[in-house]
Amino acid sequence: MDLFHLIILGIVQGFTEFLPVSSSAHLVLLPKLAGWKDQGLAYDIAAHLGSLIAVFIYFRSELHRIGIDWLRSLGGQALTREACLCWYLIAGTLPIAVAGYLMYDTVATLFRSPVLIAVATITFGLLLWWADLTGKRARGEGQLALKDAIWVGLAQVLALIPGTSRSGITITAGLMLGLDRRSAARFSFLLAIPVILLAGGHEIYRFQILDADIDVPAFVAVLAVSAASAWLAIGIFLALIERIGMLPFVIYRLALGVLLLYLFA
């Protein structure tokens, strides 16, 4: 795959990582429509690292406060909202960490069917719509509780099914728990940090086992465009979500799922 194709895939991966539209569905569809080969594990790593850099940059001030207050809480100081949020992120990550470890072989093989991805894209898109319609949207981030983080974390396990969308299912869970749209999205994006770290670490481990070569300029290019597009996606989504709601993303998911079924069923 040449550099131009890798850059396009980096843009698609970065932009869809944080939007509730399923990055896996796009990464199945794009090579099919364009006739491209699989990009390879090295560039998957680059794209995920780019997404991770983007969320670190976007939330850098808040992450600094969270980290400092969490470390102080370990030293015996009183729990602040930021320290609690760090514990919530840890609690919300544990379910998918355990499930991902136990189910990796199944996810890597049986769950890669384009038809399954299409069905998941449609099904969880409709669930997102339902949650947006029926959710009370009466609670902000400051009203998060440990049980909320655990429920969102359990819902995140469903993201192991390609087509579900990690951001989509965690935002759905947040809305069902009564969070407003922006708060549900922000918690989802923060929750992406430990998940991407775990997934990226596993990909790096696999890459070392394969002992494959890296085209360094191409790797850096994919990382950079993925980071830029992910940062842009986060900013646009948080700026617009209270005004436009989830319906545009639901409609897009339905169209994408139908297209995948048409091409692969």
C-alpha atoms as a PDB file:
ATOM      1  CA  MET A   1       0.000   0.000   0.000  1.00  0.00           C
ATOM      2  CA  ASP A   2       1.472   3.342  -0.998  1.00  0.00           C
ATOM      3  CA  LEU A   3       1.829   6.409   1.216  1.00  0.00           C
ATOM      4  CA  PHE A   4      -1.254   8.183  -0.160  1.00  0.00           C
ATOM      5  CA  HIS A   5      -3.484   5.215   0.672  1.00  0.00           C
ATOM      6  CA  LEU A   6      -1.990   4.953   4.155  1.00  0.00           C
ATOM      7  CA  ILE A   7      -2.658   8.638   4.803  1.00  0.00           C
ATOM      8  CA  ILE A   8      -6.294   8.252   3.724  1.00  0.00           C
ATOM      9  CA  LEU A   9      -6.676   5.287   6.074  1.00  0.00           C
ATOM     10  CA  GLY A  10      -5.063   7.320   8.868  1.00  0.00           C
ATOM     11  CA  ILE A  11      -7.575  10.119   8.332  1.00  0.00           C
ATOM     12  CA  VAL A  12     -10.496   7.674   8.314  1.00  0.00           C
ATOM     13  CA  GLN A  13      -9.250   5.865  11.435  1.00  0.00           C
ATOM     14  CA  GLY A  14      -8.577   9.079  13.323  1.00  0.00           C
ATOM     15  CA  PHE A  15     -11.864  10.725  12.418  1.00  0.00           C
ATOM     16  CA  THR A  16     -14.038   7.692  13.126  1.00  0.00           C
ATOM     17  CA  GLU A  17     -12.284   6.608  16.343  1.00  0.00           C
ATOM     18  CA  PHE A  18     -14.199   9.119  18.453  1.00  0.00           C
ATOM     19  CA  LEU A  19     -17.367   9.597  16.417  1.00  0.00           C
ATOM     20  CA  PRO A  20     -20.151   7.074  17.170  1.00  0.00           C
ATOM     21  CA  VAL A  21     -20.031   5.618  13.646  1.00  0.00           C
ATOM     22  CA  SER A  22     -17.777   2.514  13.928  1.00  0.00           C
ATOM     23  CA  SER A  23     -14.193   2.829  12.739  1.00  0.00           C
ATOM     24  CA  SER A  24     -14.035  -0.924  12.011  1.00  0.00           C
ATOM     25  CA  ALA A  25     -16.927  -0.671   9.548  1.00  0.00           C
ATOM     26  CA  HIS A  26     -15.086   2.061   7.658  1.00  0.00           C
ATOM     27  CA  LEU A  27     -11.816   0.154   7.635  1.00  0.00           C
ATOM     28  CA  VAL A  28     -13.621  -2.847   6.126  1.00  0.00           C
ATOM     29  CA  LEU A  29     -15.486  -0.769   3.564  1.00  0.00           C
ATOM     30  CA  LEU A  30     -12.733   1.550   2.351  1.00  0.00           C
ATOM     31  CA  PRO A  31     -10.250  -1.115   1.089  1.00  0.00           C
ATOM     32  CA  LYS A  32     -13.166  -2.995  -0.496  1.00  0.00           C
ATOM     33  CA  LEU A  33     -14.376   0.028  -2.438  1.00  0.00           C
ATOM     34  CA  ALA A  34     -10.874   1.216  -3.335  1.00  0.00           C
ATOM     35  CA  GLY A  35      -9.349  -2.190  -4.023  1.00  0.00           C
ATOM     36  CA  TRP A  36      -6.527  -1.627  -1.533  1.00  0.00           C
ATOM     37  CA  LYS A  37      -4.562  -4.272   0.328  1.00  0.00           C
ATOM     38  CA  ASP A  38      -4.604  -4.597   4.106  1.00  0.00           C
ATOM     39  CA  GLN A  39      -2.440  -1.851   5.582  1.00  0.00           C
ATOM     40  CA  GLY A  40      -0.613  -4.146   8.015  1.00  0.00           C
ATOM     41  CA  LEU A  41      -0.169  -4.164  11.770  1.00  0.00           C
ATOM     42  CA  ALA A  42       2.483  -1.415  11.910  1.00  0.00           C
ATOM     43  CA  TYR A  43       0.108   1.174  10.491  1.00  0.00           C
ATOM     44  CA  ASP A  44      -2.715   0.036  12.764  1.00  0.00           C
ATOM     45  CA  ILE A  45      -0.337   0.860  15.621  1.00  0.00           C
ATOM     46  CA  ALA A  46       0.455   4.255  14.081  1.00  0.00           C
ATOM     47  CA  ALA A  47      -3.239   5.101  13.685  1.00  0.00           C
ATOM     48  CA  HIS A  48      -4.052   4.117  17.275  1.00  0.00           C
ATOM     49  CA  LEU A  49      -1.088   6.060  18.648  1.00  0.00           C
ATOM     50  CA  GLY A  50      -2.276   9.074  16.675  1.00  0.00           C
ATOM     51  CA  SER A  51      -5.739   8.800  18.231  1.00  0.00           C
ATOM     52  CA  LEU A  52      -4.163   8.507  21.670  1.00  0.00           C
ATOM     53  CA  ILE A  53      -2.016  11.603  21.125  1.00  0.00           C
ATOM     54  CA  ALA A  54      -5.100  13.527  19.992  1.00  0.00           C
ATOM     55  CA  VAL A  55      -7.133  12.795  23.114  1.00  0.00           C
ATOM     56  CA  PHE A  56      -4.137  13.566  25.347  1.00  0.00           C
ATOM     57  CA  ILE A  57      -3.672  16.943  23.641  1.00  0.00           C
ATOM     58  CA  TYR A  58      -7.350  17.849  23.674  1.00  0.00           C
ATOM     59  CA  PHE A  59      -7.849  17.021  27.360  1.00  0.00           C
ATOM     60  CA  ARG A  60      -4.317  17.884  28.494  1.00  0.00           C
ATOM     61  CA  SER A  61      -5.329  20.400  31.185  1.00  0.00           C
ATOM     62  CA  GLU A  62      -7.992  18.154  32.645  1.00  0.00           C
ATOM     63  CA  LEU A  63      -5.729  15.103  32.504  1.00  0.00           C
ATOM     64  CA  HIS A  64      -3.053  17.037  34.382  1.00  0.00           C
ATOM     65  CA  ARG A  65      -5.508  17.853  37.181  1.00  0.00           C
ATOM     66  CA  ILE A  66      -6.839  14.299  37.228  1.00  0.00           C
ATOM     67  CA  GLY A  67      -3.353  12.822  37.492  1.00  0.00           C
ATOM     68  CA  ILE A  68      -2.163  15.201  40.220  1.00  0.00           C
ATOM     69  CA  ASP A  69      -5.287  14.799  42.355  1.00  0.00           C
ATOM     70  CA  TRP A  70      -5.290  11.020  41.942  1.00  0.00           C
ATOM     71  CA  LEU A  71      -1.655  10.782  43.072  1.00  0.00           C
ATOM     72  CA  ARG A  72      -2.447  13.031  46.051  1.00  0.00           C
ATOM     73  CA  SER A  73      -5.378  10.786  46.961  1.00  0.00           C
ATOM     74  CA  LEU A  74      -3.011   7.832  47.041  1.00  0.00           C
ATOM     75  CA  GLY A  75      -0.984   9.812  49.569  1.00  0.00           C
ATOM     76  CA  GLY A  76      -3.985  10.154  51.859  1.00  0.00           C
ATOM     77  CA  GLN A  77      -5.474  13.472  50.763  1.00  0.00           C
ATOM     78  CA  ALA A  78      -9.229  13.829  50.379  1.00  0.00           C
ATOM     79  CA  LEU A  79     -10.778  12.661  47.120  1.00  0.00           C
ATOM     80  CA  THR A  80     -11.556  15.498  44.738  1.00  0.00           C
ATOM     81  CA  ARG A  81     -13.863  15.233  41.739  1.00  0.00           C
ATOM     82  CA  GLU A  82     -10.829  14.764  39.489  1.00  0.00           C
ATOM     83  CA  ALA A  83      -9.380  12.012  41.700  1.00  0.00           C
ATOM     84  CA  CYS A  84     -12.744  10.237  41.700  1.00  0.00           C
ATOM     85  CA  LEU A  85     -12.894  10.552  37.920  1.00  0.00           C
ATOM     86  CA  CYS A  86      -9.553   8.752  37.634  1.00  0.00           C
ATOM     87  CA  TRP A  87     -10.865   5.884  39.762  1.00  0.00           C
ATOM     88  CA  TYR A  88     -13.993   5.808  37.609  1.00  0.00           C
ATOM     89  CA  LEU A  89     -11.880   5.526  34.457  1.00  0.00           C
ATOM     90  CA  ILE A  90      -9.963   2.634  35.988  1.00  0.00           C
ATOM     91  CA  ALA A  91     -13.195   0.893  37.016  1.00  0.00           C
ATOM     92  CA  GLY A  92     -14.711   1.477  33.580  1.00  0.00           C
ATOM     93  CA  THR A  93     -11.688  -0.058  31.853  1.00  0.00           C
ATOM     94  CA  LEU A  94     -11.469  -3.284  33.868  1.00  0.00           C
ATOM     95  CA  PRO A  95     -14.391  -5.097  32.153  1.00  0.00           C
ATOM     96  CA  ILE A  96     -13.046  -4.693  28.611  1.00  0.00           C
ATOM     97  CA  ALA A  97      -9.498  -5.441  29.752  1.00  0.00           C
ATOM     98  CA  VAL A  98     -10.604  -8.794  31.171  1.00  0.00           C
ATOM     99  CA  ALA A  99     -13.005  -9.587  28.324  1.00  0.00           C
ATOM    100  CA  GLY A 100     -10.455  -8.608  25.677  1.00  0.00           C
ATOM    101  CA  TYR A 101      -7.825 -10.871  27.235  1.00  0.00           C
ATOM    102  CA  LEU A 102     -10.192 -13.845  27.475  1.00  0.00           C
ATOM    103  CA  MET A 103     -11.875 -13.371  24.091  1.00  0.00           C
ATOM    104  CA  TYR A 104      -9.008 -12.163  21.895  1.00  0.00           C
ATOM    105  CA  ASP A 105      -8.870 -15.229  19.635  1.00  0.00           C
ATOM    106  CA  THR A 106     -12.643 -15.172  19.108  1.00  0.00           C
ATOM    107  CA  VAL A 107     -12.669 -11.448  18.356  1.00  0.00           C
ATOM    108  CA  ALA A 108      -9.727 -11.750  15.950  1.00  0.00           C
ATOM    109  CA  THR A 109     -11.364 -14.544  13.925  1.00  0.00           C
ATOM    110  CA  LEU A 110     -15.093 -15.164  14.276  1.00  0.00           C
ATOM    111  CA  PHE A 111     -16.046 -11.496  14.790  1.00  0.00           C
ATOM    112  CA  ARG A 112     -14.436 -10.235  11.574  1.00  0.00           C
ATOM    113  CA  SER A 113     -17.318 -11.038   9.232  1.00  0.00           C
ATOM    114  CA  PRO A 114     -18.380  -7.990   7.176  1.00  0.00           C
ATOM    115  CA  VAL A 115     -22.008  -9.063   7.553  1.00  0.00           C
ATOM    116  CA  LEU A 116     -21.676  -9.151  11.345  1.00  0.00           C
ATOM    117  CA  ILE A 117     -20.062  -5.707  11.242  1.00  0.00           C
ATOM    118  CA  ALA A 118     -22.972  -4.420   9.131  1.00  0.00           C
ATOM    119  CA  VAL A 119     -25.586  -5.855  11.501  1.00  0.00           C
ATOM    120  CA  ALA A 120     -23.783  -4.429  14.543  1.00  0.00           C
ATOM    121  CA  THR A 121     -23.472  -1.040  12.850  1.00  0.00           C
ATOM    122  CA  ILE A 122     -27.226  -0.915  12.276  1.00  0.00           C
ATOM    123  CA  THR A 123     -28.327  -2.476  15.577  1.00  0.00           C
ATOM    124  CA  PHE A 124     -26.194  -0.344  17.865  1.00  0.00           C
ATOM    125  CA  GLY A 125     -26.952   2.722  15.782  1.00  0.00           C
ATOM    126  CA  LEU A 126     -30.652   2.221  16.520  1.00  0.00           C
ATOM    127  CA  LEU A 127     -29.845   1.669  20.197  1.00  0.00           C
ATOM    128  CA  LEU A 128     -27.961   4.986  20.225  1.00  0.00           C
ATOM    129  CA  TRP A 129     -31.009   6.694  18.727  1.00  0.00           C
ATOM    130  CA  TRP A 130     -33.291   5.147  21.348  1.00  0.00           C
ATOM    131  CA  ALA A 131     -30.989   6.206  24.183  1.00  0.00           C
ATOM    132  CA  ASP A 132     -30.845   9.763  22.847  1.00  0.00           C
ATOM    133  CA  LEU A 133     -34.623   9.930  22.564  1.00  0.00           C
ATOM    134  CA  THR A 134     -35.444   8.446  25.951  1.00  0.00           C
ATOM    135  CA  GLY A 135     -32.481   9.522  28.098  1.00  0.00           C
ATOM    136  CA  LYS A 136     -33.262  12.175  30.688  1.00  0.00           C
ATOM    137  CA  ARG A 137     -30.012  14.095  29.979  1.00  0.00           C
ATOM    138  CA  ALA A 138     -30.323  15.669  33.434  1.00  0.00           C
ATOM    139  CA  ARG A 139     -26.881  14.876  34.875  1.00  0.00           C
ATOM    140  CA  GLY A 140     -23.422  16.301  34.237  1.00  0.00           C
ATOM    141  CA  GLU A 141     -19.919  14.939  34.723  1.00  0.00           C
ATOM    142  CA  GLY A 142     -19.838  16.168  38.317  1.00  0.00           C
ATOM    143  CA  GLN A 143     -22.710  13.825  39.150  1.00  0.00           C
ATOM    144  CA  LEU A 144     -21.004  10.673  37.900  1.00  0.00           C
ATOM    145  CA  ALA A 145     -20.830   7.844  40.411  1.00  0.00           C
ATOM    146  CA  LEU A 146     -18.765   4.685  40.572  1.00  0.00           C
ATOM    147  CA  LYS A 147     -21.756   2.548  39.580  1.00  0.00           C
ATOM    148  CA  ASP A 148     -22.211   4.693  36.455  1.00  0.00           C
ATOM    149  CA  ALA A 149     -18.590   4.091  35.434  1.00  0.00           C
ATOM    150  CA  ILE A 150     -19.003   0.345  35.961  1.00  0.00           C
ATOM    151  CA  TRP A 151     -22.150   0.244  33.824  1.00  0.00           C
ATOM    152  CA  VAL A 152     -20.467   2.211  31.042  1.00  0.00           C
ATOM    153  CA  GLY A 153     -17.462  -0.100  31.323  1.00  0.00           C
ATOM    154  CA  LEU A 154     -19.661  -3.183  31.010  1.00  0.00           C
ATOM    155  CA  ALA A 155     -21.346  -1.688  27.956  1.00  0.00           C
ATOM    156  CA  GLN A 156     -17.909  -1.005  26.477  1.00  0.00           C
ATOM    157  CA  VAL A 157     -17.280  -4.766  26.336  1.00  0.00           C
ATOM    158  CA  LEU A 158     -19.764  -4.860  23.454  1.00  0.00           C
ATOM    159  CA  ALA A 159     -17.255  -2.808  21.453  1.00  0.00           C
ATOM    160  CA  LEU A 160     -15.261  -6.022  21.026  1.00  0.00           C
ATOM    161  CA  ILE A 161     -17.852  -6.781  18.341  1.00  0.00           C
ATOM    162  CA  PRO A 162     -16.620  -4.853  15.266  1.00  0.00           C
ATOM    163  CA  GLY A 163     -19.267  -2.442  14.049  1.00  0.00           C
ATOM    164  CA  THR A 164     -20.504  -1.587  17.543  1.00  0.00           C
ATOM    165  CA  SER A 165     -18.301   1.535  17.903  1.00  0.00           C
ATOM    166  CA  ARG A 166     -16.538   1.977  21.231  1.00  0.00           C
ATOM    167  CA  SER A 167     -17.489   5.627  21.465  1.00  0.00           C
ATOM    168  CA  GLY A 168     -21.015   4.854  20.271  1.00  0.00           C
ATOM    169  CA  ILE A 169     -21.786   2.201  22.885  1.00  0.00           C
ATOM    170  CA  THR A 170     -20.233   4.150  25.771  1.00  0.00           C
ATOM    171  CA  ILE A 171     -22.125   7.308  24.817  1.00  0.00           C
ATOM    172  CA  THR A 172     -25.280   5.192  24.537  1.00  0.00           C
ATOM    173  CA  ALA A 173     -24.715   3.835  28.045  1.00  0.00           C
ATOM    174  CA  GLY A 174     -24.075   7.322  29.404  1.00  0.00           C
ATOM    175  CA  LEU A 175     -27.295   8.636  27.881  1.00  0.00           C
ATOM    176  CA  MET A 176     -29.247   5.687  29.289  1.00  0.00           C
ATOM    177  CA  LEU A 177     -27.853   6.543  32.733  1.00  0.00           C
ATOM    178  CA  GLY A 178     -29.234  10.077  32.427  1.00  0.00           C
ATOM    179  CA  LEU A 179     -26.078  11.977  31.449  1.00  0.00           C
ATOM    180  CA  ASP A 180     -26.398  14.921  29.104  1.00  0.00           C
ATOM    181  CA  ARG A 181     -24.924  14.428  25.639  1.00  0.00           C
ATOM    182  CA  ARG A 182     -21.734  16.400  26.209  1.00  0.00           C
ATOM    183  CA  SER A 183     -20.959  14.704  29.529  1.00  0.00           C
ATOM    184  CA  ALA A 184     -21.595  11.251  28.075  1.00  0.00           C
ATOM    185  CA  ALA A 185     -19.278  12.049  25.171  1.00  0.00           C
ATOM    186  CA  ARG A 186     -16.518  13.516  27.349  1.00  0.00           C
ATOM    187  CA  PHE A 187     -16.486  10.503  29.665  1.00  0.00           C
ATOM    188  CA  SER A 188     -16.420   8.231  26.605  1.00  0.00           C
ATOM    189  CA  PHE A 189     -13.423  10.073  25.161  1.00  0.00           C
ATOM    190  CA  LEU A 190     -11.512   9.988  28.456  1.00  0.00           C
ATOM    191  CA  LEU A 191     -12.315   6.298  28.774  1.00  0.00           C
ATOM    192  CA  ALA A 192     -10.688   5.792  25.380  1.00  0.00           C
ATOM    193  CA  ILE A 193      -7.258   6.599  26.828  1.00  0.00           C
ATOM    194  CA  PRO A 194      -6.697   3.416  28.880  1.00  0.00           C
ATOM    195  CA  VAL A 195      -8.444   1.296  26.242  1.00  0.00           C
ATOM    196  CA  ILE A 196      -6.223   2.575  23.415  1.00  0.00           C
ATOM    197  CA  LEU A 197      -3.179   2.144  25.655  1.00  0.00           C
ATOM    198  CA  LEU A 198      -4.095  -1.501  26.264  1.00  0.00           C
ATOM    199  CA  ALA A 199      -4.948  -2.203  22.617  1.00  0.00           C
ATOM    200  CA  GLY A 200      -1.860  -0.389  21.373  1.00  0.00           C
ATOM    201  CA  GLY A 201       0.361  -2.238  23.827  1.00  0.00           C
ATOM    202  CA  HIS A 202      -1.002  -5.552  22.624  1.00  0.00           C
ATOM    203  CA  GLU A 203      -0.484  -4.565  18.982  1.00  0.00           C
ATOM    204  CA  ILE A 204       3.107  -3.562  19.706  1.00  0.00           C
ATOM    205  CA  TYR A 205       3.689  -6.915  21.424  1.00  0.00           C
ATOM    206  CA  ARG A 206       2.306  -8.758  18.389  1.00  0.00           C
ATOM    207  CA  PHE A 207       4.424  -6.651  16.061  1.00  0.00           C
ATOM    208  CA  GLN A 208       7.583  -7.520  17.982  1.00  0.00           C
ATOM    209  CA  ILE A 209       6.745 -11.212  17.699  1.00  0.00           C
ATOM    210  CA  LEU A 210       6.252 -10.874  13.940  1.00  0.00           C
ATOM    211  CA  ASP A 211       9.592  -9.038  13.689  1.00  0.00           C
ATOM    212  CA  ALA A 212       8.355  -7.042  10.694  1.00  0.00           C
ATOM    213  CA  ASP A 213      10.000  -3.998   9.131  1.00  0.00           C
ATOM    214  CA  ILE A 214       8.658  -0.448   9.480  1.00  0.00           C
ATOM    215  CA  ASP A 215       8.724   2.256   6.855  1.00  0.00           C
ATOM    216  CA  VAL A 216       9.464   5.068   9.328  1.00  0.00           C
ATOM    217  CA  PRO A 217       8.325   8.044   7.171  1.00  0.00           C
ATOM    218  CA  ALA A 218       5.068   6.269   6.350  1.00  0.00           C
ATOM    219  CA  PHE A 219       4.562   5.328  10.022  1.00  0.00           C
ATOM    220  CA  VAL A 220       5.051   8.931  11.124  1.00  0.00           C
ATOM    221  CA  ALA A 221       2.733  10.198   8.384  1.00  0.00           C
ATOM    222  CA  VAL A 222      -0.081   7.854   9.426  1.00  0.00           C
ATOM    223  CA  LEU A 223       0.414   8.772  13.098  1.00  0.00           C
ATOM    224  CA  ALA A 224       0.340  12.500  12.333  1.00  0.00           C
ATOM    225  CA  VAL A 225      -2.757  12.486  10.133  1.00  0.00           C
ATOM    226  CA  SER A 226      -4.580  10.162  12.533  1.00  0.00           C
ATOM    227  CA  ALA A 227      -3.775  12.482  15.436  1.00  0.00           C
ATOM    228  CA  ALA A 228      -4.870  15.600  13.545  1.00  0.00           C
ATOM    229  CA  SER A 229      -8.125  14.085  12.297  1.00  0.00           C
ATOM    230  CA  ALA A 230      -8.970  12.576  15.718  1.00  0.00           C
ATOM    231  CA  TRP A 231      -8.313  15.917  17.450  1.00  0.00           C
ATOM    232  CA  LEU A 232     -10.561  17.650  14.916  1.00  0.00           C
ATOM    233  CA  ALA A 233     -13.298  15.032  15.341  1.00  0.00           C
ATOM    234  CA  ILE A 234     -13.313  15.422  19.138  1.00  0.00           C
ATOM    235  CA  GLY A 235     -13.554  19.204  18.911  1.00  0.00           C
ATOM    236  CA  ILE A 236     -16.315  19.236  16.299  1.00  0.00           C
ATOM    237  CA  PHE A 237     -18.340  16.551  18.071  1.00  0.00           C
ATOM    238  CA  LEU A 238     -18.244  18.234  21.485  1.00  0.00           C
ATOM    239  CA  ALA A 239     -19.026  21.637  19.951  1.00  0.00           C
ATOM    240  CA  LEU A 240     -22.080  20.457  18.036  1.00  0.00           C
ATOM    241  CA  ILE A 241     -23.533  17.499  19.906  1.00  0.00           C
ATOM    242  CA  GLU A 242     -25.943  19.382  22.161  1.00  0.00           C
ATOM    243  CA  ARG A 243     -27.426  21.158  19.131  1.00  0.00           C
ATOM    244  CA  ILE A 244     -27.611  18.365  16.574  1.00  0.00           C
ATOM    245  CA  GLY A 245     -28.112  15.321  18.799  1.00  0.00           C
ATOM    246  CA  MET A 246     -27.333  11.774  17.711  1.00  0.00           C
ATOM    247  CA  LEU A 247     -29.763  11.443  14.805  1.00  0.00           C
ATOM    248  CA  PRO A 248     -27.283  12.458  12.041  1.00  0.00           C
ATOM    249  CA  PHE A 249     -24.865   9.763  13.222  1.00  0.00           C
ATOM    250  CA  VAL A 250     -27.667   7.207  13.472  1.00  0.00           C
ATOM    251  CA  ILE A 251     -28.783   7.917   9.895  1.00  0.00           C
ATOM    252  CA  TYR A 252     -25.178   7.642   8.721  1.00  0.00           C
ATOM    253  CA  ARG A 253     -24.758   4.309  10.531  1.00  0.00           C
ATOM    254  CA  LEU A 254     -27.920   2.907   8.983  1.00  0.00           C
ATOM    255  CA  ALA A 255     -26.767   3.897   5.495  1.00  0.00           C
ATOM    256  CA  LEU A 256     -23.298   2.462   6.133  1.00  0.00           C
ATOM    257  CA  GLY A 257     -24.706  -0.805   7.439  1.00  0.00           C
ATOM    258  CA  VAL A 258     -27.026  -1.191   4.473  1.00  0.00           C
ATOM    259  CA  LEU A 259     -24.137  -0.529   2.075  1.00  0.00           C
ATOM    260  CA  LEU A 260     -22.024  -3.197   3.800  1.00  0.00           C
ATOM    261  CA  LEU A 261     -24.876  -5.688   3.550  1.00  0.00           C
ATOM    262  CA  TYR A 262     -25.306  -4.872  -0.122  1.00  0.00           C
ATOM    263  CA  LEU A 263     -21.612  -5.421  -0.830  1.00  0.00           C
ATOM    264  CA  PHE A 264     -20.959  -8.472   1.332  1.00  0.00           C
ATOM    265  CA  ALA A 265     -24.230 -10.321   2.047  1.00  0.00           C
END
